[in-house]
Amino acid sequence: MATTKEFSDDEMGYRAWLSQNSEGYVVNQRWGTYLRLHHARCRFVDLPGTKHTNSDARSTKVCGDNRATLVRWITVKYGRPPDPCGSCRP
């Protein structure tokens, strides 16, 4: 069963999800307008020394183990699908 999880101000939870779901996908969301889809192993979703999740929703991560399910969830919540990362090309 596909699962989708949003991380807001939960850096430990987000990093634990990444370590357990290397074949999954991550949408980097900022301000509700910037939506970028990455593979969970993309270098841009686990930058050392960077806090990736914030409580003010400026930067949240939405993670999922199924690409289609995650894209559908994002599209419903934010009104459009995420743009694919040009580096990892999910």
C-alpha atoms as a PDB file:
ATOM      1  CA  MET A   1       0.000   0.000   0.000  1.00  0.00           C
ATOM      2  CA  ALA A   2       1.400   3.396  -1.011  1.00  0.00           C
ATOM      3  CA  THR A   3       1.944   5.922   1.750  1.00  0.00           C
ATOM      4  CA  THR A   4       2.482   9.673   1.713  1.00  0.00           C
ATOM      5  CA  LYS A   5       3.882  11.615   4.665  1.00  0.00           C
ATOM      6  CA  GLU A   6       4.391  15.353   5.093  1.00  0.00           C
ATOM      7  CA  PHE A   7       7.216  16.571   7.327  1.00  0.00           C
ATOM      8  CA  SER A   8       6.927  20.037   8.822  1.00  0.00           C
ATOM      9  CA  ASP A   9       9.317  20.933  11.643  1.00  0.00           C
ATOM     10  CA  ASP A  10      10.282  17.261  12.015  1.00  0.00           C
ATOM     11  CA  GLU A  11      13.872  17.003  10.844  1.00  0.00           C
ATOM     12  CA  MET A  12      14.536  13.744  12.687  1.00  0.00           C
ATOM     13  CA  GLY A  13      11.418  12.130  11.243  1.00  0.00           C
ATOM     14  CA  TYR A  14      12.278  13.323   7.741  1.00  0.00           C
ATOM     15  CA  ARG A  15      15.852  12.040   7.913  1.00  0.00           C
ATOM     16  CA  ALA A  16      14.644   8.710   9.336  1.00  0.00           C
ATOM     17  CA  TRP A  17      12.176   8.400   6.441  1.00  0.00           C
ATOM     18  CA  LEU A  18      14.993   9.087   3.939  1.00  0.00           C
ATOM     19  CA  SER A  19      17.231   6.438   5.483  1.00  0.00           C
ATOM     20  CA  GLN A  20      14.439   3.836   5.339  1.00  0.00           C
ATOM     21  CA  ASN A  21      13.053   4.688   1.885  1.00  0.00           C
ATOM     22  CA  SER A  22      15.949   5.127  -0.540  1.00  0.00           C
ATOM     23  CA  GLU A  23      13.721   4.025  -3.437  1.00  0.00           C
ATOM     24  CA  GLY A  24      11.009   6.560  -2.563  1.00  0.00           C
ATOM     25  CA  TYR A  25      10.298  10.114  -3.679  1.00  0.00           C
ATOM     26  CA  VAL A  26      10.378  13.541  -2.034  1.00  0.00           C
ATOM     27  CA  VAL A  27       8.612  16.752  -2.991  1.00  0.00           C
ATOM     28  CA  ASN A  28      10.341  19.858  -1.739  1.00  0.00           C
ATOM     29  CA  GLN A  29       7.599  22.408  -1.045  1.00  0.00           C
ATOM     30  CA  ARG A  30       8.244  26.052  -0.287  1.00  0.00           C
ATOM     31  CA  TRP A  31       5.553  28.680   0.221  1.00  0.00           C
ATOM     32  CA  GLY A  32       2.984  26.450  -1.525  1.00  0.00           C
ATOM     33  CA  THR A  33       4.228  27.588  -4.929  1.00  0.00           C
ATOM     34  CA  TYR A  34       7.625  25.903  -5.290  1.00  0.00           C
ATOM     35  CA  LEU A  35       7.086  22.175  -5.785  1.00  0.00           C
ATOM     36  CA  ARG A  36      10.027  20.004  -6.883  1.00  0.00           C
ATOM     37  CA  LEU A  37       9.917  16.203  -7.157  1.00  0.00           C
ATOM     38  CA  HIS A  38      13.117  14.272  -6.332  1.00  0.00           C
ATOM     39  CA  HIS A  39      14.229  10.680  -5.885  1.00  0.00           C
ATOM     40  CA  ALA A  40      14.803  10.063  -2.163  1.00  0.00           C
ATOM     41  CA  ARG A  41      18.499   9.506  -2.908  1.00  0.00           C
ATOM     42  CA  CYS A  42      18.897  12.875  -4.717  1.00  0.00           C
ATOM     43  CA  ARG A  43      21.684  15.007  -3.273  1.00  0.00           C
ATOM     44  CA  PHE A  44      19.352  18.020  -3.037  1.00  0.00           C
ATOM     45  CA  VAL A  45      16.986  16.473  -0.472  1.00  0.00           C
ATOM     46  CA  ASP A  46      19.623  15.618   2.119  1.00  0.00           C
ATOM     47  CA  LEU A  47      22.088  18.500   2.216  1.00  0.00           C
ATOM     48  CA  PRO A  48      24.439  18.263   5.218  1.00  0.00           C
ATOM     49  CA  GLY A  49      24.071  21.060   7.748  1.00  0.00           C
ATOM     50  CA  THR A  50      20.694  22.152   6.354  1.00  0.00           C
ATOM     51  CA  LYS A  51      17.372  22.094   8.182  1.00  0.00           C
ATOM     52  CA  HIS A  52      14.932  20.748   5.621  1.00  0.00           C
ATOM     53  CA  THR A  53      11.628  21.154   7.475  1.00  0.00           C
ATOM     54  CA  ASN A  54      10.193  24.262   9.138  1.00  0.00           C
ATOM     55  CA  SER A  55       7.082  24.783  11.243  1.00  0.00           C
ATOM     56  CA  ASP A  56       5.981  27.874   9.324  1.00  0.00           C
ATOM     57  CA  ALA A  57       5.395  25.818   6.127  1.00  0.00           C
ATOM     58  CA  ARG A  58       8.052  27.796   4.302  1.00  0.00           C
ATOM     59  CA  SER A  59       9.802  24.537   3.611  1.00  0.00           C
ATOM     60  CA  THR A  60       8.219  21.154   4.076  1.00  0.00           C
ATOM     61  CA  LYS A  61       8.961  17.772   2.589  1.00  0.00           C
ATOM     62  CA  VAL A  62       6.247  15.482   1.319  1.00  0.00           C
ATOM     63  CA  CYS A  63       7.501  11.930   0.947  1.00  0.00           C
ATOM     64  CA  GLY A  64       6.070   8.821  -0.589  1.00  0.00           C
ATOM     65  CA  ASP A  65       7.007   5.332  -1.654  1.00  0.00           C
ATOM     66  CA  ASN A  66       4.986   5.547  -4.883  1.00  0.00           C
ATOM     67  CA  ARG A  67       5.625   8.304  -7.436  1.00  0.00           C
ATOM     68  CA  ALA A  68       2.103   8.378  -8.928  1.00  0.00           C
ATOM     69  CA  THR A  69       0.438   8.480  -5.504  1.00  0.00           C
ATOM     70  CA  LEU A  70       2.739  11.266  -4.307  1.00  0.00           C
ATOM     71  CA  VAL A  71       2.201  13.374  -7.447  1.00  0.00           C
ATOM     72  CA  ARG A  72      -1.579  12.923  -7.148  1.00  0.00           C
ATOM     73  CA  TRP A  73      -1.481  13.943  -3.443  1.00  0.00           C
ATOM     74  CA  ILE A  74       0.558  17.079  -4.257  1.00  0.00           C
ATOM     75  CA  THR A  75      -1.697  17.982  -7.186  1.00  0.00           C
ATOM     76  CA  VAL A  76      -4.821  17.762  -5.032  1.00  0.00           C
ATOM     77  CA  LYS A  77      -3.304  19.730  -2.140  1.00  0.00           C
ATOM     78  CA  TYR A  78      -1.494  22.450  -4.127  1.00  0.00           C
ATOM     79  CA  GLY A  79      -3.509  22.563  -7.360  1.00  0.00           C
ATOM     80  CA  ARG A  80      -0.734  21.453  -9.680  1.00  0.00           C
ATOM     81  CA  PRO A  81       1.811  18.661 -10.037  1.00  0.00           C
ATOM     82  CA  PRO A  82       5.411  19.171  -8.905  1.00  0.00           C
ATOM     83  CA  ASP A  83       8.177  19.991 -11.368  1.00  0.00           C
ATOM     84  CA  PRO A  84      10.768  17.216 -11.710  1.00  0.00           C
ATOM     85  CA  CYS A  85      14.292  17.789 -10.432  1.00  0.00           C
ATOM     86  CA  GLY A  86      16.664  18.456 -13.306  1.00  0.00           C
ATOM     87  CA  SER A  87      19.458  16.619 -11.514  1.00  0.00           C
ATOM     88  CA  CYS A  88      17.945  13.287 -10.450  1.00  0.00           C
ATOM     89  CA  ARG A  89      15.159  13.236 -13.092  1.00  0.00           C
ATOM     90  CA  PRO A  90      12.574  11.222 -11.141  1.00  0.00           C
END
